[in-house]
Amino acid sequence: MNQASSSCCKPTENYQSFAATVWIYGSPTLIVLGTIGNILAGMVMMRKRQRKYTTSFYLTYLAFLDTVILYTGLSRQWILARFGLDIRHQTSGVCKLHMFLMYYLVHIEAWLLSCVAIERLAAVWWPMQAKYIFTRRFAMIQMASFSAFLFAADAHLFWTQALIPEGAGNICAINPRFLAFRVNVWGWMDMTIASIMPFSTMITCNVAVVVKIVQQQRMKRNHGTTQETKVQSVTMMLLAVCVVFLICTLPITIYLSDTDSFESAYGCCFSSYVLWPIFNMLLYLNNTTNFVLYCVSGKKFRQQLRAMFSCRPNTIAAHP
């Protein structure tokens, strides 16, 4: 994502110190924790009994995306804060590629979680039909399709971004020839692709899933049973993932959609050196915590994790 402008003010030492502390110490912490958690999550999801489930396929891909996003985004911020070197400003190729990757990866993650939400909706409301529709082959075709669509939507960054002379050097910024496109078209495109479509899909599907689970729990209580099913176990785990995604990504989405309002309300320096690092860390926290969410909310996942570390045979299905 684009970095908030810091050229509109002369920051105080406290602001600069705060931002530097967040980037220098927060970035490697999230990268290390996220790498370990995502590797463990991927190992559990790739176990023999889990490979046939579409949910495991989605979550394995999600763990990969989370790891790549952490290294692509936070490594740049750490190098910038630690050495004062922005890798985007070095060459035109790096400028274009890094901007493309940041938008593309974040967009894919949002759409992937939308697919997970739709799959859970079908599994809870129409379980028999879902078994035949949401196959591993269907998931692969689905992911390839929206990945190709998002690539086409974000490909313009390869020519709309450029190294622009500023002062004694260059900065990676919008090519002045495409400024009108950036302001009038791309802002709305990005908001729709990254936020409106996936957020509305996830919220709608998750609300419908919660309604169905509540209905099922009431029926079970009426029949004198409250045993949790495999479907409910993995559904609650994925609900937690979607909710945390919304919480972590919504602040920076709102900030980027109307940065001028934040700068008017809180001041340019506070927005650039306090709010921007905080909202970024919250965004990357989403790429770090999924393993913890699986452990906390997924009983079957915990069983598989214990089985993996104890080298027991793979006899427990983590997903229905």
C-alpha atoms as a PDB file:
ATOM      1  CA  MET A   1       0.000   0.000   0.000  1.00  0.00           C
ATOM      2  CA  ASN A   2       1.056   3.591  -0.416  1.00  0.00           C
ATOM      3  CA  GLN A   3       2.813   5.145   2.484  1.00  0.00           C
ATOM      4  CA  ALA A   4       1.194   8.128   4.092  1.00  0.00           C
ATOM      5  CA  SER A   5       2.753  11.391   3.094  1.00  0.00           C
ATOM      6  CA  SER A   6       5.200  12.752   5.652  1.00  0.00           C
ATOM      7  CA  SER A   7       6.343  15.754   3.629  1.00  0.00           C
ATOM      8  CA  CYS A   8       3.436  17.921   4.772  1.00  0.00           C
ATOM      9  CA  CYS A   9       4.988  18.633   8.166  1.00  0.00           C
ATOM     10  CA  LYS A  10       8.159  18.725  10.219  1.00  0.00           C
ATOM     11  CA  PRO A  11       7.677  15.979  12.807  1.00  0.00           C
ATOM     12  CA  THR A  12       8.725  16.385  16.402  1.00  0.00           C
ATOM     13  CA  GLU A  13      11.348  14.082  17.892  1.00  0.00           C
ATOM     14  CA  ASN A  14       8.621  12.199  19.797  1.00  0.00           C
ATOM     15  CA  TYR A  15       6.682  11.457  16.615  1.00  0.00           C
ATOM     16  CA  GLN A  16       9.780  10.294  14.779  1.00  0.00           C
ATOM     17  CA  SER A  17      10.873   8.154  17.715  1.00  0.00           C
ATOM     18  CA  PHE A  18       7.463   6.529  17.978  1.00  0.00           C
ATOM     19  CA  ALA A  19       7.307   5.660  14.278  1.00  0.00           C
ATOM     20  CA  ALA A  20      10.888   4.347  14.254  1.00  0.00           C
ATOM     21  CA  THR A  21      10.258   2.175  17.306  1.00  0.00           C
ATOM     22  CA  VAL A  22       7.133   0.657  15.767  1.00  0.00           C
ATOM     23  CA  TRP A  23       8.845  -0.172  12.467  1.00  0.00           C
ATOM     24  CA  ILE A  24      12.247  -1.291  13.826  1.00  0.00           C
ATOM     25  CA  TYR A  25      10.967  -3.566  16.596  1.00  0.00           C
ATOM     26  CA  GLY A  26       7.443  -4.381  15.458  1.00  0.00           C
ATOM     27  CA  SER A  27       8.361  -5.480  11.929  1.00  0.00           C
ATOM     28  CA  PRO A  28      10.828  -8.300  12.763  1.00  0.00           C
ATOM     29  CA  THR A  29       8.636  -9.445  15.637  1.00  0.00           C
ATOM     30  CA  LEU A  30       5.620  -9.939  13.386  1.00  0.00           C
ATOM     31  CA  ILE A  31       7.739 -11.486  10.625  1.00  0.00           C
ATOM     32  CA  VAL A  32       9.263 -14.105  12.953  1.00  0.00           C
ATOM     33  CA  LEU A  33       6.017 -14.964  14.743  1.00  0.00           C
ATOM     34  CA  GLY A  34       4.047 -14.981  11.510  1.00  0.00           C
ATOM     35  CA  THR A  35       6.572 -17.203   9.733  1.00  0.00           C
ATOM     36  CA  ILE A  36       6.551 -19.797  12.516  1.00  0.00           C
ATOM     37  CA  GLY A  37       2.763 -19.755  12.858  1.00  0.00           C
ATOM     38  CA  ASN A  38       2.087 -19.924   9.123  1.00  0.00           C
ATOM     39  CA  ILE A  39       4.535 -22.812   8.640  1.00  0.00           C
ATOM     40  CA  LEU A  40       2.895 -24.781  11.447  1.00  0.00           C
ATOM     41  CA  ALA A  41      -0.574 -24.018  10.094  1.00  0.00           C
ATOM     42  CA  GLY A  42       0.466 -25.145   6.627  1.00  0.00           C
ATOM     43  CA  MET A  43       1.984 -28.360   7.986  1.00  0.00           C
ATOM     44  CA  VAL A  44      -1.246 -29.242   9.787  1.00  0.00           C
ATOM     45  CA  MET A  45      -3.401 -28.423   6.765  1.00  0.00           C
ATOM     46  CA  MET A  46      -1.165 -30.487   4.482  1.00  0.00           C
ATOM     47  CA  ARG A  47      -1.444 -33.655   6.541  1.00  0.00           C
ATOM     48  CA  LYS A  48      -2.750 -36.625   4.577  1.00  0.00           C
ATOM     49  CA  ARG A  49      -6.287 -36.695   5.968  1.00  0.00           C
ATOM     50  CA  GLN A  50      -6.760 -32.925   5.454  1.00  0.00           C
ATOM     51  CA  ARG A  51      -5.588 -32.589   1.862  1.00  0.00           C
ATOM     52  CA  LYS A  52      -8.897 -33.686   0.351  1.00  0.00           C
ATOM     53  CA  TYR A  53     -10.885 -30.900   2.048  1.00  0.00           C
ATOM     54  CA  THR A  54     -11.355 -27.593   0.249  1.00  0.00           C
ATOM     55  CA  THR A  55     -11.065 -25.698   3.537  1.00  0.00           C
ATOM     56  CA  SER A  56      -7.570 -27.104   4.089  1.00  0.00           C
ATOM     57  CA  PHE A  57      -6.632 -26.091   0.550  1.00  0.00           C
ATOM     58  CA  TYR A  58      -7.863 -22.533   1.128  1.00  0.00           C
ATOM     59  CA  LEU A  59      -6.078 -22.214   4.483  1.00  0.00           C
ATOM     60  CA  THR A  60      -2.795 -23.623   3.156  1.00  0.00           C
ATOM     61  CA  TYR A  61      -2.859 -20.976   0.438  1.00  0.00           C
ATOM     62  CA  LEU A  62      -3.779 -18.350   3.042  1.00  0.00           C
ATOM     63  CA  ALA A  63      -0.751 -19.296   5.177  1.00  0.00           C
ATOM     64  CA  PHE A  64       1.482 -18.886   2.116  1.00  0.00           C
ATOM     65  CA  LEU A  65      -0.063 -15.503   1.261  1.00  0.00           C
ATOM     66  CA  ASP A  66       0.280 -14.267   4.846  1.00  0.00           C
ATOM     67  CA  THR A  67       3.968 -15.125   4.878  1.00  0.00           C
ATOM     68  CA  VAL A  68       4.697 -13.455   1.536  1.00  0.00           C
ATOM     69  CA  ILE A  69       2.783 -10.314   2.566  1.00  0.00           C
ATOM     70  CA  LEU A  70       4.766 -10.055   5.805  1.00  0.00           C
ATOM     71  CA  TYR A  71       8.124 -10.269   4.037  1.00  0.00           C
ATOM     72  CA  THR A  72       7.099  -8.047   1.126  1.00  0.00           C
ATOM     73  CA  GLY A  73       5.607  -5.254   3.221  1.00  0.00           C
ATOM     74  CA  LEU A  74       7.349  -5.280   6.592  1.00  0.00           C
ATOM     75  CA  SER A  75      10.872  -5.936   5.326  1.00  0.00           C
ATOM     76  CA  ARG A  76      10.654  -2.716   3.306  1.00  0.00           C
ATOM     77  CA  GLN A  77       9.398  -0.757   6.330  1.00  0.00           C
ATOM     78  CA  TRP A  78      12.153  -2.179   8.557  1.00  0.00           C
ATOM     79  CA  ILE A  79      14.910  -1.323   6.070  1.00  0.00           C
ATOM     80  CA  LEU A  80      13.481   2.180   5.659  1.00  0.00           C
ATOM     81  CA  ALA A  81      13.297   2.816   9.422  1.00  0.00           C
ATOM     82  CA  ARG A  82      16.628   1.155  10.241  1.00  0.00           C
ATOM     83  CA  PHE A  83      18.813   2.398   7.376  1.00  0.00           C
ATOM     84  CA  GLY A  84      16.795   5.231   5.812  1.00  0.00           C
ATOM     85  CA  LEU A  85      16.705   3.329   2.522  1.00  0.00           C
ATOM     86  CA  ASP A  86      13.432   2.841   0.652  1.00  0.00           C
ATOM     87  CA  ILE A  87      13.808  -0.074  -1.771  1.00  0.00           C
ATOM     88  CA  ARG A  88      10.947   1.325  -3.883  1.00  0.00           C
ATOM     89  CA  HIS A  89      13.010   4.399  -4.725  1.00  0.00           C
ATOM     90  CA  GLN A  90      16.031   2.502  -6.049  1.00  0.00           C
ATOM     91  CA  THR A  91      14.966   1.370  -9.515  1.00  0.00           C
ATOM     92  CA  SER A  92      11.911   1.697 -11.709  1.00  0.00           C
ATOM     93  CA  GLY A  93      11.470  -2.078 -11.836  1.00  0.00           C
ATOM     94  CA  VAL A  94      11.460  -2.484  -8.049  1.00  0.00           C
ATOM     95  CA  CYS A  95       9.099   0.485  -7.698  1.00  0.00           C
ATOM     96  CA  LYS A  96       6.544  -1.012 -10.050  1.00  0.00           C
ATOM     97  CA  LEU A  97       6.894  -4.619  -8.862  1.00  0.00           C
ATOM     98  CA  HIS A  98       6.686  -3.837  -5.153  1.00  0.00           C
ATOM     99  CA  MET A  99       3.615  -1.631  -5.562  1.00  0.00           C
ATOM    100  CA  PHE A 100       1.923  -4.294  -7.679  1.00  0.00           C
ATOM    101  CA  LEU A 101       2.708  -7.097  -5.227  1.00  0.00           C
ATOM    102  CA  MET A 102       1.375  -5.206  -2.222  1.00  0.00           C
ATOM    103  CA  TYR A 103      -1.953  -4.448  -3.858  1.00  0.00           C
ATOM    104  CA  TYR A 104      -2.231  -7.827  -5.576  1.00  0.00           C
ATOM    105  CA  LEU A 105      -1.449  -9.954  -2.514  1.00  0.00           C
ATOM    106  CA  VAL A 106      -3.795  -8.022  -0.218  1.00  0.00           C
ATOM    107  CA  HIS A 107      -6.567  -8.231  -2.817  1.00  0.00           C
ATOM    108  CA  ILE A 108      -6.094 -11.984  -3.245  1.00  0.00           C
ATOM    109  CA  GLU A 109      -6.220 -12.541   0.507  1.00  0.00           C
ATOM    110  CA  ALA A 110      -9.496 -10.632   0.804  1.00  0.00           C
ATOM    111  CA  TRP A 111     -11.066 -12.594  -2.040  1.00  0.00           C
ATOM    112  CA  LEU A 112      -9.725 -15.892  -0.698  1.00  0.00           C
ATOM    113  CA  LEU A 113     -11.425 -15.268   2.638  1.00  0.00           C
ATOM    114  CA  SER A 114     -14.601 -14.409   0.736  1.00  0.00           C
ATOM    115  CA  CYS A 115     -14.413 -17.844  -0.909  1.00  0.00           C
ATOM    116  CA  VAL A 116     -13.927 -19.431   2.515  1.00  0.00           C
ATOM    117  CA  ALA A 117     -16.997 -17.576   3.816  1.00  0.00           C
ATOM    118  CA  ILE A 118     -19.097 -18.750   0.859  1.00  0.00           C
ATOM    119  CA  GLU A 119     -17.898 -22.339   1.296  1.00  0.00           C
ATOM    120  CA  ARG A 120     -18.815 -22.267   5.002  1.00  0.00           C
ATOM    121  CA  LEU A 121     -22.217 -20.812   4.182  1.00  0.00           C
ATOM    122  CA  ALA A 122     -22.903 -23.705   1.823  1.00  0.00           C
ATOM    123  CA  ALA A 123     -21.505 -26.282   4.275  1.00  0.00           C
ATOM    124  CA  VAL A 124     -23.772 -25.070   7.081  1.00  0.00           C
ATOM    125  CA  TRP A 125     -26.971 -24.357   5.131  1.00  0.00           C
ATOM    126  CA  TRP A 126     -26.781 -26.986   2.370  1.00  0.00           C
ATOM    127  CA  PRO A 127     -24.275 -29.618   3.599  1.00  0.00           C
ATOM    128  CA  MET A 128     -25.221 -32.391   1.129  1.00  0.00           C
ATOM    129  CA  GLN A 129     -24.999 -30.172  -1.952  1.00  0.00           C
ATOM    130  CA  ALA A 130     -21.799 -28.521  -0.706  1.00  0.00           C
ATOM    131  CA  LYS A 131     -19.955 -31.854  -0.614  1.00  0.00           C
ATOM    132  CA  TYR A 132     -20.456 -32.281  -4.357  1.00  0.00           C
ATOM    133  CA  ILE A 133     -19.928 -28.650  -5.389  1.00  0.00           C
ATOM    134  CA  PHE A 134     -17.014 -27.505  -3.212  1.00  0.00           C
ATOM    135  CA  THR A 135     -14.426 -30.030  -4.283  1.00  0.00           C
ATOM    136  CA  ARG A 136     -10.671 -29.512  -4.389  1.00  0.00           C
ATOM    137  CA  ARG A 137     -10.886 -29.160  -8.170  1.00  0.00           C
ATOM    138  CA  PHE A 138     -13.584 -26.490  -7.814  1.00  0.00           C
ATOM    139  CA  ALA A 139     -11.440 -24.611  -5.280  1.00  0.00           C
ATOM    140  CA  MET A 140      -8.429 -24.627  -7.614  1.00  0.00           C
ATOM    141  CA  ILE A 141     -10.487 -23.346 -10.553  1.00  0.00           C
ATOM    142  CA  GLN A 142     -12.079 -20.715  -8.335  1.00  0.00           C
ATOM    143  CA  MET A 143      -8.742 -19.459  -7.045  1.00  0.00           C
ATOM    144  CA  ALA A 144      -7.147 -19.447 -10.491  1.00  0.00           C
ATOM    145  CA  SER A 145     -10.089 -17.454 -11.854  1.00  0.00           C
ATOM    146  CA  PHE A 146     -10.107 -14.664  -9.287  1.00  0.00           C
ATOM    147  CA  SER A 147      -6.287 -14.555  -9.226  1.00  0.00           C
ATOM    148  CA  ALA A 148      -6.296 -13.916 -12.991  1.00  0.00           C
ATOM    149  CA  PHE A 149      -9.036 -11.283 -12.636  1.00  0.00           C
ATOM    150  CA  LEU A 150      -7.170  -9.456  -9.866  1.00  0.00           C
ATOM    151  CA  PHE A 151      -3.918  -9.617 -11.833  1.00  0.00           C
ATOM    152  CA  ALA A 152      -5.660  -7.881 -14.728  1.00  0.00           C
ATOM    153  CA  ALA A 153      -7.212  -5.299 -12.383  1.00  0.00           C
ATOM    154  CA  ASP A 154      -3.876  -4.456 -10.714  1.00  0.00           C
ATOM    155  CA  ALA A 155      -1.607  -4.751 -13.771  1.00  0.00           C
ATOM    156  CA  HIS A 156      -1.925  -1.019 -14.519  1.00  0.00           C
ATOM    157  CA  LEU A 157       0.505  -0.388 -11.628  1.00  0.00           C
ATOM    158  CA  PHE A 158       3.323  -1.506 -13.914  1.00  0.00           C
ATOM    159  CA  TRP A 159       2.868   1.631 -16.026  1.00  0.00           C
ATOM    160  CA  THR A 160       0.994   4.082 -13.787  1.00  0.00           C
ATOM    161  CA  GLN A 161       3.761   3.928 -11.118  1.00  0.00           C
ATOM    162  CA  ALA A 162       7.137   5.464 -11.900  1.00  0.00           C
ATOM    163  CA  LEU A 163      10.252   6.957 -10.355  1.00  0.00           C
ATOM    164  CA  ILE A 164       9.610  10.692 -10.132  1.00  0.00           C
ATOM    165  CA  PRO A 165      12.489  13.156  -9.558  1.00  0.00           C
ATOM    166  CA  GLU A 166      12.227  14.895  -6.200  1.00  0.00           C
ATOM    167  CA  GLY A 167      14.998  16.901  -4.623  1.00  0.00           C
ATOM    168  CA  ALA A 168      18.329  15.173  -5.054  1.00  0.00           C
ATOM    169  CA  GLY A 169      16.822  11.777  -5.790  1.00  0.00           C
ATOM    170  CA  ASN A 170      13.760   9.900  -7.010  1.00  0.00           C
ATOM    171  CA  ILE A 171      10.591   8.687  -5.367  1.00  0.00           C
ATOM    172  CA  CYS A 172       8.207   5.908  -6.366  1.00  0.00           C
ATOM    173  CA  ALA A 173       4.909   7.640  -7.096  1.00  0.00           C
ATOM    174  CA  ILE A 174       2.078   7.932  -9.568  1.00  0.00           C
ATOM    175  CA  ASN A 175       3.113   8.886 -13.076  1.00  0.00           C
ATOM    176  CA  PRO A 176       1.760  12.444 -13.559  1.00  0.00           C
ATOM    177  CA  ARG A 177       0.201  11.381 -16.866  1.00  0.00           C
ATOM    178  CA  PHE A 178      -2.103   9.010 -14.962  1.00  0.00           C
ATOM    179  CA  LEU A 179      -2.977  11.276 -12.048  1.00  0.00           C
ATOM    180  CA  ALA A 180      -6.589  11.697 -13.200  1.00  0.00           C
ATOM    181  CA  PHE A 181      -6.965   7.908 -13.456  1.00  0.00           C
ATOM    182  CA  ARG A 182      -5.537   7.501  -9.978  1.00  0.00           C
ATOM    183  CA  VAL A 183      -7.868  10.039  -8.422  1.00  0.00           C
ATOM    184  CA  ASN A 184     -11.066   9.399 -10.355  1.00  0.00           C
ATOM    185  CA  VAL A 185     -10.891   5.687 -11.187  1.00  0.00           C
ATOM    186  CA  TRP A 186      -8.328   3.670  -9.278  1.00  0.00           C
ATOM    187  CA  GLY A 187      -9.349   4.942  -5.849  1.00  0.00           C
ATOM    188  CA  TRP A 188     -12.872   3.622  -6.349  1.00  0.00           C
ATOM    189  CA  MET A 189     -11.633   0.435  -8.034  1.00  0.00           C
ATOM    190  CA  ASP A 190      -9.322  -0.349  -5.133  1.00  0.00           C
ATOM    191  CA  MET A 191     -12.031   0.398  -2.577  1.00  0.00           C
ATOM    192  CA  THR A 192     -14.466  -1.896  -4.389  1.00  0.00           C
ATOM    193  CA  ILE A 193     -11.998  -4.745  -4.996  1.00  0.00           C
ATOM    194  CA  ALA A 194     -10.191  -4.662  -1.652  1.00  0.00           C
ATOM    195  CA  SER A 195     -13.026  -3.679   0.675  1.00  0.00           C
ATOM    196  CA  ILE A 196     -16.611  -3.333  -0.498  1.00  0.00           C
ATOM    197  CA  MET A 197     -16.958  -6.653  -2.359  1.00  0.00           C
ATOM    198  CA  PRO A 198     -15.036  -8.959   0.029  1.00  0.00           C
ATOM    199  CA  PHE A 199     -16.227  -7.205   3.199  1.00  0.00           C
ATOM    200  CA  SER A 200     -19.895  -7.347   2.192  1.00  0.00           C
ATOM    201  CA  THR A 201     -19.521 -10.997   1.148  1.00  0.00           C
ATOM    202  CA  MET A 202     -17.838 -12.011   4.405  1.00  0.00           C
ATOM    203  CA  ILE A 203     -20.259 -10.100   6.612  1.00  0.00           C
ATOM    204  CA  THR A 204     -23.337 -11.427   4.814  1.00  0.00           C
ATOM    205  CA  CYS A 205     -22.129 -15.034   4.775  1.00  0.00           C
ATOM    206  CA  ASN A 206     -20.904 -14.997   8.368  1.00  0.00           C
ATOM    207  CA  VAL A 207     -24.143 -13.508   9.679  1.00  0.00           C
ATOM    208  CA  ALA A 208     -26.098 -16.194   7.833  1.00  0.00           C
ATOM    209  CA  VAL A 209     -23.791 -18.886   9.245  1.00  0.00           C
ATOM    210  CA  VAL A 210     -24.189 -17.606  12.806  1.00  0.00           C
ATOM    211  CA  VAL A 211     -27.980 -17.555  12.398  1.00  0.00           C
ATOM    212  CA  LYS A 212     -27.961 -21.173  11.237  1.00  0.00           C
ATOM    213  CA  ILE A 213     -25.657 -22.311  14.044  1.00  0.00           C
ATOM    214  CA  VAL A 214     -27.875 -20.620  16.637  1.00  0.00           C
ATOM    215  CA  GLN A 215     -30.894 -22.397  15.157  1.00  0.00           C
ATOM    216  CA  GLN A 216     -29.071 -25.729  15.278  1.00  0.00           C
ATOM    217  CA  GLN A 217     -28.029 -25.174  18.891  1.00  0.00           C
ATOM    218  CA  ARG A 218     -31.615 -24.415  19.889  1.00  0.00           C
ATOM    219  CA  MET A 219     -32.817 -27.599  18.211  1.00  0.00           C
ATOM    220  CA  LYS A 220     -30.139 -29.627  19.988  1.00  0.00           C
ATOM    221  CA  ARG A 221     -31.069 -28.185  23.371  1.00  0.00           C
ATOM    222  CA  ASN A 222     -34.680 -29.054  22.688  1.00  0.00           C
ATOM    223  CA  HIS A 223     -33.586 -32.627  22.000  1.00  0.00           C
ATOM    224  CA  GLY A 224     -31.329 -32.722  25.051  1.00  0.00           C
ATOM    225  CA  THR A 225     -27.932 -32.625  23.322  1.00  0.00           C
ATOM    226  CA  THR A 226     -25.287 -29.913  22.946  1.00  0.00           C
ATOM    227  CA  GLN A 227     -22.462 -31.890  21.325  1.00  0.00           C
ATOM    228  CA  GLU A 228     -20.380 -29.869  18.882  1.00  0.00           C
ATOM    229  CA  THR A 229     -20.220 -31.278  15.355  1.00  0.00           C
ATOM    230  CA  LYS A 230     -17.145 -31.238  13.118  1.00  0.00           C
ATOM    231  CA  VAL A 231     -18.876 -28.753  10.829  1.00  0.00           C
ATOM    232  CA  GLN A 232     -19.529 -26.367  13.703  1.00  0.00           C
ATOM    233  CA  SER A 233     -15.962 -26.700  15.002  1.00  0.00           C
ATOM    234  CA  VAL A 234     -14.282 -25.664  11.758  1.00  0.00           C
ATOM    235  CA  THR A 235     -16.999 -23.087  11.050  1.00  0.00           C
ATOM    236  CA  MET A 236     -16.350 -21.273  14.326  1.00  0.00           C
ATOM    237  CA  MET A 237     -12.619 -21.334  13.579  1.00  0.00           C
ATOM    238  CA  LEU A 238     -13.145 -19.745  10.174  1.00  0.00           C
ATOM    239  CA  LEU A 239     -15.606 -17.220  11.580  1.00  0.00           C
ATOM    240  CA  ALA A 240     -12.867 -16.072  13.938  1.00  0.00           C
ATOM    241  CA  VAL A 241     -10.445 -15.700  11.005  1.00  0.00           C
ATOM    242  CA  CYS A 242     -12.907 -13.581   9.012  1.00  0.00           C
ATOM    243  CA  VAL A 243     -13.838 -11.390  11.985  1.00  0.00           C
ATOM    244  CA  VAL A 244     -10.190 -10.681  12.832  1.00  0.00           C
ATOM    245  CA  PHE A 245      -9.496  -9.916   9.169  1.00  0.00           C
ATOM    246  CA  LEU A 246     -12.274  -7.329   9.145  1.00  0.00           C
ATOM    247  CA  ILE A 247     -11.115  -5.766  12.416  1.00  0.00           C
ATOM    248  CA  CYS A 248      -7.459  -5.583  11.342  1.00  0.00           C
ATOM    249  CA  THR A 249      -7.946  -4.325   7.788  1.00  0.00           C
ATOM    250  CA  LEU A 250     -10.870  -1.941   8.206  1.00  0.00           C
ATOM    251  CA  PRO A 251      -8.930   0.922   9.906  1.00  0.00           C
ATOM    252  CA  ILE A 252      -6.277   1.241   7.191  1.00  0.00           C
ATOM    253  CA  THR A 253      -8.926   0.840   4.486  1.00  0.00           C
ATOM    254  CA  ILE A 254     -10.866   3.780   5.913  1.00  0.00           C
ATOM    255  CA  TYR A 255      -7.657   5.770   6.376  1.00  0.00           C
ATOM    256  CA  LEU A 256      -6.503   5.287   2.780  1.00  0.00           C
ATOM    257  CA  SER A 257      -9.940   6.079   1.412  1.00  0.00           C
ATOM    258  CA  ASP A 258      -9.984   9.525   3.047  1.00  0.00           C
ATOM    259  CA  THR A 259      -6.513  10.470   4.265  1.00  0.00           C
ATOM    260  CA  ASP A 260      -7.251  14.190   3.985  1.00  0.00           C
ATOM    261  CA  SER A 261     -10.000  13.935   6.613  1.00  0.00           C
ATOM    262  CA  PHE A 262      -7.638  12.234   9.069  1.00  0.00           C
ATOM    263  CA  GLU A 263      -4.966  14.866   8.483  1.00  0.00           C
ATOM    264  CA  SER A 264      -7.523  17.641   8.991  1.00  0.00           C
ATOM    265  CA  ALA A 265      -8.856  16.075  12.177  1.00  0.00           C
ATOM    266  CA  TYR A 266      -5.589  14.917  13.805  1.00  0.00           C
ATOM    267  CA  GLY A 267      -2.900  16.896  11.998  1.00  0.00           C
ATOM    268  CA  CYS A 268      -0.594  15.769   9.223  1.00  0.00           C
ATOM    269  CA  CYS A 269       2.303  14.779  11.484  1.00  0.00           C
ATOM    270  CA  PHE A 270       0.166  12.742  13.890  1.00  0.00           C
ATOM    271  CA  SER A 271      -1.505  10.969  10.969  1.00  0.00           C
ATOM    272  CA  SER A 272       1.780  10.186   9.193  1.00  0.00           C
ATOM    273  CA  TYR A 273       3.945   9.227  12.177  1.00  0.00           C
ATOM    274  CA  VAL A 274       1.417   7.747  14.627  1.00  0.00           C
ATOM    275  CA  LEU A 275      -1.777   6.601  12.900  1.00  0.00           C
ATOM    276  CA  TRP A 276      -0.045   5.282   9.779  1.00  0.00           C
ATOM    277  CA  PRO A 277       2.358   2.937  11.667  1.00  0.00           C
ATOM    278  CA  ILE A 278      -0.409   1.761  13.991  1.00  0.00           C
ATOM    279  CA  PHE A 279      -2.854   0.989  11.188  1.00  0.00           C
ATOM    280  CA  ASN A 280      -0.104  -0.788   9.242  1.00  0.00           C
ATOM    281  CA  MET A 281       0.868  -2.957  12.197  1.00  0.00           C
ATOM    282  CA  LEU A 282      -2.783  -3.821  12.699  1.00  0.00           C
ATOM    283  CA  LEU A 283      -2.968  -4.825   9.035  1.00  0.00           C
ATOM    284  CA  TYR A 284       0.102  -7.072   9.294  1.00  0.00           C
ATOM    285  CA  LEU A 285      -1.085  -8.457  12.621  1.00  0.00           C
ATOM    286  CA  ASN A 286      -3.840 -10.126  10.623  1.00  0.00           C
ATOM    287  CA  ASN A 287      -1.149 -11.999   8.651  1.00  0.00           C
ATOM    288  CA  THR A 288       0.483 -13.120  11.902  1.00  0.00           C
ATOM    289  CA  THR A 289      -2.337 -14.333  14.128  1.00  0.00           C
ATOM    290  CA  ASN A 290      -4.234 -16.916  12.058  1.00  0.00           C
ATOM    291  CA  PHE A 291      -2.328 -19.823  13.634  1.00  0.00           C
ATOM    292  CA  VAL A 292      -3.298 -18.562  17.096  1.00  0.00           C
ATOM    293  CA  LEU A 293      -6.916 -18.253  15.977  1.00  0.00           C
ATOM    294  CA  TYR A 294      -6.896 -21.826  14.690  1.00  0.00           C
ATOM    295  CA  CYS A 295      -5.555 -23.067  18.030  1.00  0.00           C
ATOM    296  CA  VAL A 296      -7.959 -21.038  20.152  1.00  0.00           C
ATOM    297  CA  SER A 297     -11.161 -21.618  18.179  1.00  0.00           C
ATOM    298  CA  GLY A 298     -10.572 -24.933  16.378  1.00  0.00           C
ATOM    299  CA  LYS A 299     -10.800 -28.064  18.523  1.00  0.00           C
ATOM    300  CA  LYS A 300     -10.025 -30.371  15.591  1.00  0.00           C
ATOM    301  CA  PHE A 301      -7.039 -28.218  14.625  1.00  0.00           C
ATOM    302  CA  ARG A 302      -5.624 -28.523  18.142  1.00  0.00           C
ATOM    303  CA  GLN A 303      -6.031 -32.283  17.993  1.00  0.00           C
ATOM    304  CA  GLN A 304      -4.182 -32.452  14.684  1.00  0.00           C
ATOM    305  CA  LEU A 305      -1.411 -30.185  15.991  1.00  0.00           C
ATOM    306  CA  ARG A 306      -0.884 -32.405  19.045  1.00  0.00           C
ATOM    307  CA  ALA A 307      -0.926 -35.498  16.844  1.00  0.00           C
ATOM    308  CA  MET A 308       1.687 -33.964  14.531  1.00  0.00           C
ATOM    309  CA  PHE A 309       4.079 -33.109  17.360  1.00  0.00           C
ATOM    310  CA  SER A 310       3.593 -36.475  19.062  1.00  0.00           C
ATOM    311  CA  CYS A 311       4.152 -38.259  15.720  1.00  0.00           C
ATOM    312  CA  ARG A 312       0.871 -40.120  16.059  1.00  0.00           C
ATOM    313  CA  PRO A 313      -0.804 -41.516  12.934  1.00  0.00           C
ATOM    314  CA  ASN A 314      -2.953 -39.054  11.030  1.00  0.00           C
ATOM    315  CA  THR A 315      -6.320 -40.406  12.155  1.00  0.00           C
ATOM    316  CA  ILE A 316      -8.146 -37.245  13.187  1.00  0.00           C
ATOM    317  CA  ALA A 317      -9.845 -35.144  10.536  1.00  0.00           C
ATOM    318  CA  ALA A 318      -9.444 -31.455  11.280  1.00  0.00           C
ATOM    319  CA  HIS A 319     -12.230 -30.508   8.882  1.00  0.00           C
ATOM    320  CA  PRO A 320     -15.584 -32.051   7.951  1.00  0.00           C
END
